[in-house]
Amino acid sequence: PIVVYEVLAPGRSRSRVDVHAEEGLGQFVGRRVELDALVERFNQARLSSGQVVFIAGEAGLGKSRLIHERRRRLEGEDVTWLVGRCSSYGAEVSYLPVIDLLKDGFEIEESDNGPKIADKLEAGLADLNVDPEHVPYLRYILSAEVGDVSVAADDPQLRKARIFEALRAVMLTVATDRPLVIVVEDLHWMDR
């Protein structure tokens, strides 16, 4: 006999950091220097001095566990934590980790359709008081109903610039209220 499962709906992909959180891992040992470096970078970011940290190493080295430990130690603090993922099969998908970050931030599920994505995005942007001119570009990369047909007709370089302007506006708005941590896993798979 074999066990058969029925697929009910697409689910949100989970990061290795999320998986670590669910596994109830044992005590974290032996990475004090690296963890202290992450703490120091976060403290500098908290003082409005933005930071970028790359964690690189061989598979199985504990990169995701290190990030999990940093996140765990921030529990109870007012921090926005967004996770985006790159993947080998998504290397040709433009903006894949950015799309993932936006879905994480606006609680968009894989099963959400265009109108539902648009509703969640617009509600979240309204809460943030982000300029409405950015909405069509964010809707465009989320494959929601754009509303403004000129976005698809824009010159690709102009559209790209406006997408990045919109992303910048959202991230800066979020970061003005509290520290913002953006984690992009497997960056080596990112599209050019």
N, C-alpha and C. Protein backbone atom coordinates (compact mmCIF):
# COMPACT_ATOMS: atom_id res chain seq x y z
N PRO A 1 0.84 -1.21 0.00
CA PRO A 1 0.00 0.00 0.00
C PRO A 1 0.88 1.26 0.00
N ILE A 2 0.36 2.32 -0.62
CA ILE A 2 1.06 3.60 -0.62
C ILE A 2 0.11 4.69 -0.13
N VAL A 3 0.67 5.72 0.43
CA VAL A 3 -0.12 6.86 0.89
C VAL A 3 -0.25 7.84 -0.27
N VAL A 4 -1.45 8.30 -0.53
CA VAL A 4 -1.71 9.24 -1.61
C VAL A 4 -2.19 10.55 -1.01
N TYR A 5 -1.66 11.65 -1.52
CA TYR A 5 -2.06 12.97 -1.03
C TYR A 5 -2.72 13.74 -2.16
N GLU A 6 -3.65 14.58 -1.79
CA GLU A 6 -4.33 15.43 -2.75
C GLU A 6 -3.83 16.86 -2.57
N VAL A 7 -3.47 17.50 -3.67
CA VAL A 7 -3.05 18.90 -3.62
C VAL A 7 -4.31 19.75 -3.55
N LEU A 8 -4.41 20.57 -2.51
CA LEU A 8 -5.60 21.39 -2.32
C LEU A 8 -5.42 22.81 -2.86
N ALA A 9 -4.21 23.36 -2.67
CA ALA A 9 -3.94 24.71 -3.12
C ALA A 9 -2.45 24.96 -3.07
N PRO A 10 -1.98 25.90 -3.85
CA PRO A 10 -0.55 26.23 -3.75
C PRO A 10 -0.28 26.86 -2.39
N GLY A 11 0.88 26.60 -1.85
CA GLY A 11 1.26 27.18 -0.57
C GLY A 11 2.40 28.15 -0.74
N ARG A 12 2.61 28.96 0.23
CA ARG A 12 3.72 29.91 0.22
C ARG A 12 4.99 29.11 0.44
N SER A 13 6.00 29.34 -0.40
CA SER A 13 7.25 28.62 -0.21
C SER A 13 7.88 29.05 1.10
N ARG A 14 8.52 28.11 1.76
CA ARG A 14 9.10 28.40 3.06
C ARG A 14 10.61 28.47 2.94
N SER A 15 11.19 29.40 3.64
CA SER A 15 12.63 29.53 3.63
C SER A 15 13.23 28.52 4.58
N ARG A 16 14.52 28.26 4.39
CA ARG A 16 15.20 27.38 5.34
C ARG A 16 15.20 27.99 6.73
N VAL A 17 15.18 29.33 6.81
CA VAL A 17 15.10 29.99 8.12
C VAL A 17 13.79 29.63 8.80
N ASP A 18 12.69 29.64 8.05
CA ASP A 18 11.38 29.26 8.60
C ASP A 18 11.37 27.80 9.04
N VAL A 19 11.98 26.94 8.23
CA VAL A 19 12.04 25.52 8.56
C VAL A 19 12.80 25.31 9.86
N HIS A 20 13.93 26.04 10.01
CA HIS A 20 14.70 25.93 11.25
C HIS A 20 13.84 26.31 12.46
N ALA A 21 13.03 27.35 12.30
CA ALA A 21 12.20 27.81 13.40
C ALA A 21 11.20 26.74 13.83
N GLU A 22 10.72 25.96 12.88
CA GLU A 22 9.72 24.95 13.18
C GLU A 22 10.32 23.66 13.73
N GLU A 23 11.62 23.46 13.52
CA GLU A 23 12.23 22.20 13.89
C GLU A 23 12.60 22.10 15.36
N GLY A 24 12.52 23.19 16.09
CA GLY A 24 12.88 23.15 17.50
C GLY A 24 14.33 22.73 17.69
N LEU A 25 15.22 23.47 17.07
CA LEU A 25 16.64 23.11 17.08
C LEU A 25 17.25 23.19 18.47
N GLY A 26 18.31 22.48 18.64
CA GLY A 26 19.04 22.50 19.90
C GLY A 26 19.79 23.80 20.09
N GLN A 27 20.61 23.83 21.12
CA GLN A 27 21.35 25.03 21.48
C GLN A 27 22.30 25.44 20.35
N PHE A 28 22.40 26.74 20.14
CA PHE A 28 23.27 27.30 19.11
C PHE A 28 24.66 27.51 19.71
N VAL A 29 25.67 26.89 19.14
CA VAL A 29 27.03 27.00 19.68
C VAL A 29 28.03 27.23 18.56
N GLY A 30 29.14 27.86 18.92
CA GLY A 30 30.28 27.94 18.03
C GLY A 30 30.28 29.02 16.97
N ARG A 31 29.33 29.90 16.95
CA ARG A 31 29.29 30.95 15.91
C ARG A 31 29.19 32.34 16.53
N ARG A 32 29.78 32.50 17.71
CA ARG A 32 29.71 33.76 18.46
C ARG A 32 30.22 34.94 17.64
N VAL A 33 31.35 34.80 16.96
CA VAL A 33 31.94 35.91 16.20
C VAL A 33 30.98 36.38 15.11
N GLU A 34 30.43 35.42 14.36
CA GLU A 34 29.50 35.77 13.28
C GLU A 34 28.21 36.39 13.82
N LEU A 35 27.69 35.82 14.89
CA LEU A 35 26.47 36.35 15.48
C LEU A 35 26.71 37.75 16.04
N ASP A 36 27.84 37.97 16.68
CA ASP A 36 28.18 39.30 17.19
C ASP A 36 28.28 40.31 16.06
N ALA A 37 28.83 39.89 14.92
CA ALA A 37 28.93 40.78 13.76
C ALA A 37 27.53 41.18 13.27
N LEU A 38 26.60 40.21 13.24
CA LEU A 38 25.22 40.53 12.84
C LEU A 38 24.56 41.47 13.84
N VAL A 39 24.82 41.26 15.12
CA VAL A 39 24.27 42.14 16.16
C VAL A 39 24.80 43.56 15.97
N GLU A 40 26.09 43.69 15.72
CA GLU A 40 26.70 45.01 15.53
C GLU A 40 26.12 45.70 14.29
N ARG A 41 25.98 44.98 13.18
CA ARG A 41 25.40 45.58 11.97
C ARG A 41 23.96 46.03 12.23
N PHE A 42 23.19 45.21 12.97
CA PHE A 42 21.81 45.58 13.28
C PHE A 42 21.77 46.82 14.15
N ASN A 43 22.65 46.91 15.14
CA ASN A 43 22.69 48.09 16.01
C ASN A 43 23.02 49.34 15.23
N GLN A 44 23.92 49.24 14.26
CA GLN A 44 24.23 50.39 13.41
C GLN A 44 23.03 50.76 12.54
N ALA A 45 22.34 49.76 12.02
CA ALA A 45 21.15 50.03 11.21
C ALA A 45 20.06 50.70 12.04
N ARG A 46 19.93 50.27 13.28
CA ARG A 46 18.95 50.85 14.19
C ARG A 46 19.21 52.35 14.39
N LEU A 47 20.47 52.77 14.25
CA LEU A 47 20.84 54.17 14.39
C LEU A 47 20.79 54.91 13.05
N SER A 48 20.01 54.38 12.10
CA SER A 48 19.80 54.97 10.78
C SER A 48 21.04 54.95 9.91
N SER A 49 21.88 54.00 10.13
CA SER A 49 23.05 53.81 9.28
C SER A 49 22.88 52.46 8.59
N GLY A 50 22.24 52.46 7.42
CA GLY A 50 21.92 51.23 6.72
C GLY A 50 23.12 50.31 6.55
N GLN A 51 22.88 49.05 6.57
CA GLN A 51 23.93 48.04 6.51
C GLN A 51 23.56 46.97 5.49
N VAL A 52 24.58 46.38 4.88
CA VAL A 52 24.41 45.24 4.01
C VAL A 52 25.37 44.17 4.49
N VAL A 53 24.87 42.97 4.68
CA VAL A 53 25.69 41.86 5.15
C VAL A 53 25.50 40.70 4.18
N PHE A 54 26.60 40.15 3.70
CA PHE A 54 26.54 38.94 2.88
C PHE A 54 27.04 37.78 3.72
N ILE A 55 26.28 36.74 3.77
CA ILE A 55 26.69 35.52 4.47
C ILE A 55 26.90 34.47 3.39
N ALA A 56 28.14 34.07 3.23
CA ALA A 56 28.47 33.12 2.16
C ALA A 56 29.21 31.94 2.76
N GLY A 57 29.04 30.80 2.12
CA GLY A 57 29.75 29.61 2.55
C GLY A 57 29.19 28.38 1.87
N GLU A 58 29.87 27.28 2.07
CA GLU A 58 29.45 26.02 1.48
C GLU A 58 28.09 25.59 2.02
N ALA A 59 27.41 24.75 1.26
CA ALA A 59 26.12 24.19 1.69
C ALA A 59 26.32 23.43 2.99
N GLY A 60 25.38 23.61 3.91
CA GLY A 60 25.43 22.89 5.18
C GLY A 60 26.28 23.55 6.25
N LEU A 61 26.84 24.71 5.93
CA LEU A 61 27.72 25.40 6.87
C LEU A 61 26.96 26.03 8.03
N GLY A 62 25.68 26.31 7.85
CA GLY A 62 24.87 26.89 8.92
C GLY A 62 24.48 28.34 8.68
N LYS A 63 24.46 28.76 7.43
CA LYS A 63 24.10 30.15 7.13
C LYS A 63 22.66 30.45 7.54
N SER A 64 21.74 29.57 7.18
CA SER A 64 20.33 29.77 7.54
C SER A 64 20.13 29.69 9.04
N ARG A 65 20.87 28.83 9.69
CA ARG A 65 20.76 28.71 11.15
C ARG A 65 21.25 29.99 11.82
N LEU A 66 22.31 30.58 11.30
CA LEU A 66 22.82 31.84 11.84
C LEU A 66 21.76 32.93 11.73
N ILE A 67 21.12 33.02 10.58
CA ILE A 67 20.06 34.01 10.38
C ILE A 67 18.89 33.73 11.31
N HIS A 68 18.54 32.46 11.44
CA HIS A 68 17.46 32.08 12.36
C HIS A 68 17.78 32.53 13.78
N GLU A 69 18.99 32.32 14.23
CA GLU A 69 19.38 32.72 15.59
C GLU A 69 19.30 34.23 15.76
N ARG A 70 19.71 34.97 14.75
CA ARG A 70 19.63 36.44 14.85
C ARG A 70 18.17 36.86 14.94
N ARG A 71 17.34 36.25 14.12
CA ARG A 71 15.92 36.60 14.15
C ARG A 71 15.30 36.22 15.49
N ARG A 72 15.64 35.05 15.99
CA ARG A 72 15.09 34.60 17.27
C ARG A 72 15.45 35.57 18.38
N ARG A 73 16.65 36.10 18.35
CA ARG A 73 17.10 37.02 19.40
C ARG A 73 16.50 38.42 19.25
N LEU A 74 15.82 38.67 18.14
CA LEU A 74 15.13 39.94 17.95
C LEU A 74 13.65 39.84 18.33
N GLU A 75 13.19 38.65 18.71
CA GLU A 75 11.78 38.49 19.08
C GLU A 75 11.42 39.47 20.19
N GLY A 76 10.27 40.08 20.04
CA GLY A 76 9.81 41.05 21.03
C GLY A 76 10.21 42.48 20.69
N GLU A 77 11.14 42.65 19.75
CA GLU A 77 11.52 43.99 19.32
C GLU A 77 10.67 44.40 18.13
N ASP A 78 10.52 45.70 17.94
CA ASP A 78 9.72 46.23 16.84
C ASP A 78 10.59 46.27 15.58
N VAL A 79 10.58 45.17 14.83
CA VAL A 79 11.41 45.01 13.64
C VAL A 79 10.54 44.43 12.52
N THR A 80 10.71 44.95 11.32
CA THR A 80 10.08 44.33 10.16
C THR A 80 11.11 43.41 9.53
N TRP A 81 10.72 42.16 9.33
CA TRP A 81 11.63 41.14 8.81
C TRP A 81 10.99 40.56 7.55
N LEU A 82 11.63 40.76 6.40
CA LEU A 82 11.11 40.26 5.13
C LEU A 82 12.10 39.27 4.53
N VAL A 83 11.57 38.19 3.97
CA VAL A 83 12.43 37.16 3.37
C VAL A 83 12.03 36.96 1.91
N GLY A 84 13.04 37.00 1.05
CA GLY A 84 12.86 36.69 -0.37
C GLY A 84 13.77 35.52 -0.71
N ARG A 85 13.39 34.76 -1.72
CA ARG A 85 14.15 33.58 -2.08
C ARG A 85 14.47 33.57 -3.56
N CYS A 86 15.66 33.16 -3.88
CA CYS A 86 16.04 32.89 -5.26
C CYS A 86 16.11 31.37 -5.40
N SER A 87 15.95 30.88 -6.61
CA SER A 87 16.05 29.45 -6.81
C SER A 87 16.61 29.16 -8.19
N SER A 88 17.17 27.98 -8.34
CA SER A 88 17.76 27.61 -9.63
C SER A 88 16.72 27.64 -10.74
N TYR A 89 15.51 27.19 -10.44
CA TYR A 89 14.47 27.18 -11.47
C TYR A 89 13.85 28.55 -11.68
N GLY A 90 14.19 29.53 -10.84
CA GLY A 90 13.64 30.87 -10.98
C GLY A 90 14.66 31.88 -11.47
N ALA A 91 15.84 31.40 -11.90
CA ALA A 91 16.90 32.32 -12.31
C ALA A 91 16.51 33.18 -13.51
N GLU A 92 15.56 32.71 -14.29
CA GLU A 92 15.11 33.47 -15.45
C GLU A 92 13.87 34.31 -15.16
N VAL A 93 13.39 34.26 -13.93
CA VAL A 93 12.19 35.01 -13.56
C VAL A 93 12.62 36.38 -13.02
N SER A 94 12.28 37.42 -13.76
CA SER A 94 12.66 38.77 -13.33
C SER A 94 12.03 39.12 -11.99
N TYR A 95 12.83 39.70 -11.12
CA TYR A 95 12.38 40.21 -9.83
C TYR A 95 11.89 39.13 -8.85
N LEU A 96 12.24 37.87 -9.06
CA LEU A 96 11.70 36.81 -8.22
C LEU A 96 11.89 37.06 -6.72
N PRO A 97 13.09 37.38 -6.23
CA PRO A 97 13.21 37.61 -4.78
C PRO A 97 12.46 38.86 -4.32
N VAL A 98 12.35 39.84 -5.19
CA VAL A 98 11.61 41.06 -4.85
C VAL A 98 10.12 40.76 -4.75
N ILE A 99 9.64 39.95 -5.68
CA ILE A 99 8.24 39.52 -5.63
C ILE A 99 7.98 38.79 -4.32
N ASP A 100 8.91 37.92 -3.95
CA ASP A 100 8.79 37.16 -2.71
C ASP A 100 8.77 38.10 -1.50
N LEU A 101 9.64 39.11 -1.50
CA LEU A 101 9.66 40.09 -0.40
C LEU A 101 8.33 40.81 -0.28
N LEU A 102 7.79 41.23 -1.43
CA LEU A 102 6.51 41.94 -1.41
C LEU A 102 5.39 41.03 -0.93
N LYS A 103 5.40 39.79 -1.40
CA LYS A 103 4.37 38.85 -0.95
C LYS A 103 4.48 38.62 0.55
N ASP A 104 5.69 38.53 1.05
CA ASP A 104 5.89 38.36 2.49
C ASP A 104 5.37 39.57 3.24
N GLY A 105 5.72 40.76 2.78
CA GLY A 105 5.33 41.99 3.46
C GLY A 105 3.85 42.29 3.44
N PHE A 106 3.19 41.93 2.34
CA PHE A 106 1.77 42.24 2.19
C PHE A 106 0.89 41.01 2.40
N GLU A 107 1.49 39.93 2.89
CA GLU A 107 0.77 38.69 3.22
C GLU A 107 -0.04 38.17 2.03
N ILE A 108 0.60 38.16 0.87
CA ILE A 108 -0.02 37.66 -0.35
C ILE A 108 0.30 36.17 -0.46
N GLU A 109 -0.74 35.37 -0.63
CA GLU A 109 -0.59 33.92 -0.74
C GLU A 109 -0.49 33.52 -2.20
N GLU A 110 0.11 32.36 -2.46
CA GLU A 110 0.23 31.85 -3.83
C GLU A 110 -1.14 31.64 -4.46
N SER A 111 -2.14 31.36 -3.66
CA SER A 111 -3.48 31.11 -4.19
C SER A 111 -4.26 32.40 -4.47
N ASP A 112 -3.74 33.55 -4.07
CA ASP A 112 -4.45 34.81 -4.31
C ASP A 112 -4.46 35.13 -5.80
N ASN A 113 -5.61 35.58 -6.29
CA ASN A 113 -5.72 35.97 -7.70
C ASN A 113 -5.40 37.46 -7.85
N GLY A 114 -5.42 37.94 -9.10
CA GLY A 114 -5.07 39.33 -9.39
C GLY A 114 -5.80 40.36 -8.55
N PRO A 115 -7.14 40.30 -8.50
CA PRO A 115 -7.87 41.30 -7.70
C PRO A 115 -7.54 41.22 -6.21
N LYS A 116 -7.37 40.01 -5.68
CA LYS A 116 -7.05 39.87 -4.26
C LYS A 116 -5.65 40.40 -3.96
N ILE A 117 -4.71 40.14 -4.87
CA ILE A 117 -3.35 40.68 -4.72
C ILE A 117 -3.41 42.20 -4.72
N ALA A 118 -4.14 42.75 -5.67
CA ALA A 118 -4.26 44.21 -5.78
C ALA A 118 -4.87 44.80 -4.51
N ASP A 119 -5.89 44.15 -3.98
CA ASP A 119 -6.53 44.64 -2.75
C ASP A 119 -5.56 44.64 -1.57
N LYS A 120 -4.82 43.53 -1.40
CA LYS A 120 -3.87 43.45 -0.28
C LYS A 120 -2.76 44.47 -0.44
N LEU A 121 -2.27 44.62 -1.66
CA LEU A 121 -1.20 45.58 -1.92
C LEU A 121 -1.67 47.00 -1.64
N GLU A 122 -2.82 47.36 -2.17
CA GLU A 122 -3.31 48.73 -2.00
C GLU A 122 -3.66 49.03 -0.54
N ALA A 123 -4.19 48.06 0.17
CA ALA A 123 -4.49 48.27 1.59
C ALA A 123 -3.19 48.48 2.37
N GLY A 124 -2.20 47.67 2.09
CA GLY A 124 -0.91 47.81 2.78
C GLY A 124 -0.22 49.12 2.45
N LEU A 125 -0.26 49.51 1.18
CA LEU A 125 0.37 50.77 0.77
C LEU A 125 -0.37 51.96 1.37
N ALA A 126 -1.68 51.86 1.50
CA ALA A 126 -2.45 52.95 2.11
C ALA A 126 -2.06 53.10 3.58
N ASP A 127 -1.88 51.97 4.27
CA ASP A 127 -1.44 52.01 5.67
C ASP A 127 -0.07 52.68 5.80
N LEU A 128 0.77 52.49 4.78
CA LEU A 128 2.13 53.05 4.81
C LEU A 128 2.17 54.49 4.30
N ASN A 129 1.08 54.96 3.72
CA ASN A 129 1.02 56.30 3.11
C ASN A 129 2.03 56.45 1.97
N VAL A 130 2.16 55.40 1.15
CA VAL A 130 3.05 55.44 -0.01
C VAL A 130 2.33 56.14 -1.15
N ASP A 131 3.05 56.96 -1.89
CA ASP A 131 2.49 57.71 -3.01
C ASP A 131 1.78 56.76 -3.98
N PRO A 132 0.52 57.03 -4.30
CA PRO A 132 -0.26 56.15 -5.19
C PRO A 132 0.35 55.97 -6.58
N GLU A 133 1.24 56.86 -7.00
CA GLU A 133 1.84 56.71 -8.33
C GLU A 133 2.68 55.43 -8.44
N HIS A 134 3.09 54.88 -7.29
CA HIS A 134 3.91 53.66 -7.29
C HIS A 134 3.07 52.38 -7.42
N VAL A 135 1.79 52.48 -7.13
CA VAL A 135 0.93 51.29 -7.09
C VAL A 135 0.94 50.49 -8.40
N PRO A 136 0.77 51.13 -9.58
CA PRO A 136 0.72 50.33 -10.81
C PRO A 136 1.99 49.52 -11.06
N TYR A 137 3.14 50.04 -10.65
CA TYR A 137 4.40 49.34 -10.89
C TYR A 137 4.56 48.14 -9.97
N LEU A 138 4.09 48.28 -8.75
CA LEU A 138 4.14 47.14 -7.83
C LEU A 138 3.10 46.09 -8.24
N ARG A 139 1.95 46.54 -8.69
CA ARG A 139 0.94 45.60 -9.19
C ARG A 139 1.48 44.86 -10.42
N TYR A 140 2.23 45.56 -11.25
CA TYR A 140 2.79 44.96 -12.46
C TYR A 140 3.73 43.80 -12.12
N ILE A 141 4.67 44.00 -11.20
CA ILE A 141 5.61 42.91 -10.93
C ILE A 141 4.97 41.78 -10.13
N LEU A 142 3.84 42.06 -9.48
CA LEU A 142 3.11 41.01 -8.76
C LEU A 142 2.08 40.31 -9.66
N SER A 143 2.05 40.70 -10.92
CA SER A 143 1.11 40.13 -11.89
C SER A 143 -0.34 40.29 -11.45
N ALA A 144 -0.61 41.41 -10.81
CA ALA A 144 -1.98 41.74 -10.44
C ALA A 144 -2.55 42.60 -11.56
N GLU A 145 -3.81 42.88 -11.49
CA GLU A 145 -4.41 43.77 -12.48
C GLU A 145 -3.77 45.15 -12.32
N VAL A 146 -3.06 45.57 -13.34
CA VAL A 146 -2.27 46.79 -13.25
C VAL A 146 -3.13 48.03 -13.11
N GLY A 147 -4.24 48.07 -13.81
CA GLY A 147 -5.12 49.23 -13.74
C GLY A 147 -4.69 50.31 -14.71
N ASP A 148 -3.41 50.58 -14.81
CA ASP A 148 -2.87 51.60 -15.70
C ASP A 148 -2.18 50.88 -16.86
N VAL A 149 -2.84 50.85 -18.02
CA VAL A 149 -2.30 50.12 -19.18
C VAL A 149 -1.00 50.70 -19.68
N SER A 150 -0.70 51.95 -19.35
CA SER A 150 0.53 52.58 -19.83
C SER A 150 1.77 51.92 -19.22
N VAL A 151 1.64 51.26 -18.07
CA VAL A 151 2.78 50.60 -17.43
C VAL A 151 3.34 49.51 -18.34
N ALA A 152 2.48 48.67 -18.87
CA ALA A 152 2.93 47.60 -19.76
C ALA A 152 3.48 48.15 -21.06
N ALA A 153 3.00 49.33 -21.47
CA ALA A 153 3.45 49.94 -22.72
C ALA A 153 4.72 50.77 -22.53
N ASP A 154 5.12 51.02 -21.28
CA ASP A 154 6.33 51.81 -21.02
C ASP A 154 7.55 51.18 -21.66
N ASP A 155 8.51 52.02 -21.97
CA ASP A 155 9.82 51.53 -22.38
C ASP A 155 10.35 50.64 -21.25
N PRO A 156 10.89 49.45 -21.55
CA PRO A 156 11.33 48.53 -20.49
C PRO A 156 12.32 49.15 -19.50
N GLN A 157 13.24 49.99 -19.97
CA GLN A 157 14.20 50.61 -19.06
C GLN A 157 13.52 51.63 -18.14
N LEU A 158 12.56 52.38 -18.68
CA LEU A 158 11.81 53.33 -17.88
C LEU A 158 10.96 52.59 -16.85
N ARG A 159 10.30 51.50 -17.29
CA ARG A 159 9.48 50.70 -16.37
C ARG A 159 10.35 50.13 -15.25
N LYS A 160 11.53 49.62 -15.59
CA LYS A 160 12.45 49.07 -14.59
C LYS A 160 12.82 50.15 -13.57
N ALA A 161 13.15 51.33 -14.05
CA ALA A 161 13.52 52.43 -13.15
C ALA A 161 12.35 52.78 -12.22
N ARG A 162 11.15 52.81 -12.75
CA ARG A 162 9.98 53.15 -11.93
C ARG A 162 9.63 52.04 -10.94
N ILE A 163 9.87 50.79 -11.33
CA ILE A 163 9.67 49.69 -10.40
C ILE A 163 10.62 49.86 -9.22
N PHE A 164 11.88 50.16 -9.51
CA PHE A 164 12.85 50.33 -8.43
C PHE A 164 12.54 51.57 -7.58
N GLU A 165 12.02 52.62 -8.19
CA GLU A 165 11.60 53.79 -7.42
C GLU A 165 10.48 53.40 -6.45
N ALA A 166 9.53 52.61 -6.94
CA ALA A 166 8.41 52.17 -6.10
C ALA A 166 8.90 51.30 -4.95
N LEU A 167 9.78 50.36 -5.26
CA LEU A 167 10.34 49.49 -4.21
C LEU A 167 11.10 50.31 -3.17
N ARG A 168 11.89 51.24 -3.65
CA ARG A 168 12.66 52.11 -2.74
C ARG A 168 11.72 52.89 -1.83
N ALA A 169 10.65 53.44 -2.40
CA ALA A 169 9.70 54.21 -1.61
C ALA A 169 9.07 53.35 -0.51
N VAL A 170 8.69 52.13 -0.86
CA VAL A 170 8.07 51.23 0.13
C VAL A 170 9.07 50.89 1.23
N MET A 171 10.27 50.48 0.83
CA MET A 171 11.27 50.06 1.83
C MET A 171 11.69 51.21 2.74
N LEU A 172 11.87 52.40 2.17
CA LEU A 172 12.25 53.55 3.00
C LEU A 172 11.12 53.94 3.95
N THR A 173 9.88 53.84 3.48
CA THR A 173 8.75 54.16 4.34
C THR A 173 8.68 53.19 5.51
N VAL A 174 8.82 51.91 5.23
CA VAL A 174 8.80 50.90 6.30
C VAL A 174 9.95 51.16 7.27
N ALA A 175 11.13 51.47 6.75
CA ALA A 175 12.32 51.63 7.58
C ALA A 175 12.31 52.92 8.41
N THR A 176 11.42 53.87 8.10
CA THR A 176 11.38 55.08 8.92
C THR A 176 10.70 54.84 10.26
N ASP A 177 9.81 53.86 10.31
CA ASP A 177 9.08 53.57 11.55
C ASP A 177 9.84 52.63 12.48
N ARG A 178 10.57 51.69 11.91
CA ARG A 178 11.29 50.69 12.71
C ARG A 178 12.35 50.05 11.83
N PRO A 179 13.29 49.37 12.43
CA PRO A 179 14.33 48.71 11.62
C PRO A 179 13.71 47.71 10.65
N LEU A 180 14.30 47.64 9.48
CA LEU A 180 13.86 46.71 8.44
C LEU A 180 15.01 45.77 8.12
N VAL A 181 14.75 44.49 8.24
CA VAL A 181 15.73 43.47 7.89
C VAL A 181 15.20 42.75 6.65
N ILE A 182 16.00 42.76 5.59
CA ILE A 182 15.64 42.07 4.36
C ILE A 182 16.63 40.92 4.18
N VAL A 183 16.11 39.72 4.10
CA VAL A 183 16.93 38.53 3.89
C VAL A 183 16.62 38.00 2.50
N VAL A 184 17.65 37.84 1.68
CA VAL A 184 17.48 37.23 0.36
C VAL A 184 18.33 35.96 0.36
N GLU A 185 17.65 34.84 0.31
CA GLU A 185 18.34 33.55 0.34
C GLU A 185 18.77 33.14 -1.06
N ASP A 186 19.91 32.48 -1.14
CA ASP A 186 20.44 31.93 -2.40
C ASP A 186 20.56 32.98 -3.48
N LEU A 187 21.17 34.10 -3.12
CA LEU A 187 21.33 35.23 -4.02
C LEU A 187 22.06 34.86 -5.31
N HIS A 188 22.89 33.84 -5.28
CA HIS A 188 23.63 33.44 -6.48
C HIS A 188 22.70 32.97 -7.61
N TRP A 189 21.44 32.68 -7.30
CA TRP A 189 20.49 32.27 -8.34
C TRP A 189 19.70 33.45 -8.89
N MET A 190 19.94 34.66 -8.41
CA MET A 190 19.15 35.81 -8.83
C MET A 190 19.33 36.11 -10.32
N ASP A 191 18.26 36.57 -10.94
CA ASP A 191 18.37 36.97 -12.35
C ASP A 191 19.28 38.19 -12.47
N ARG A 192 19.83 38.40 -13.66
CA ARG A 192 20.75 39.52 -13.84
C ARG A 192 20.10 40.83 -13.52
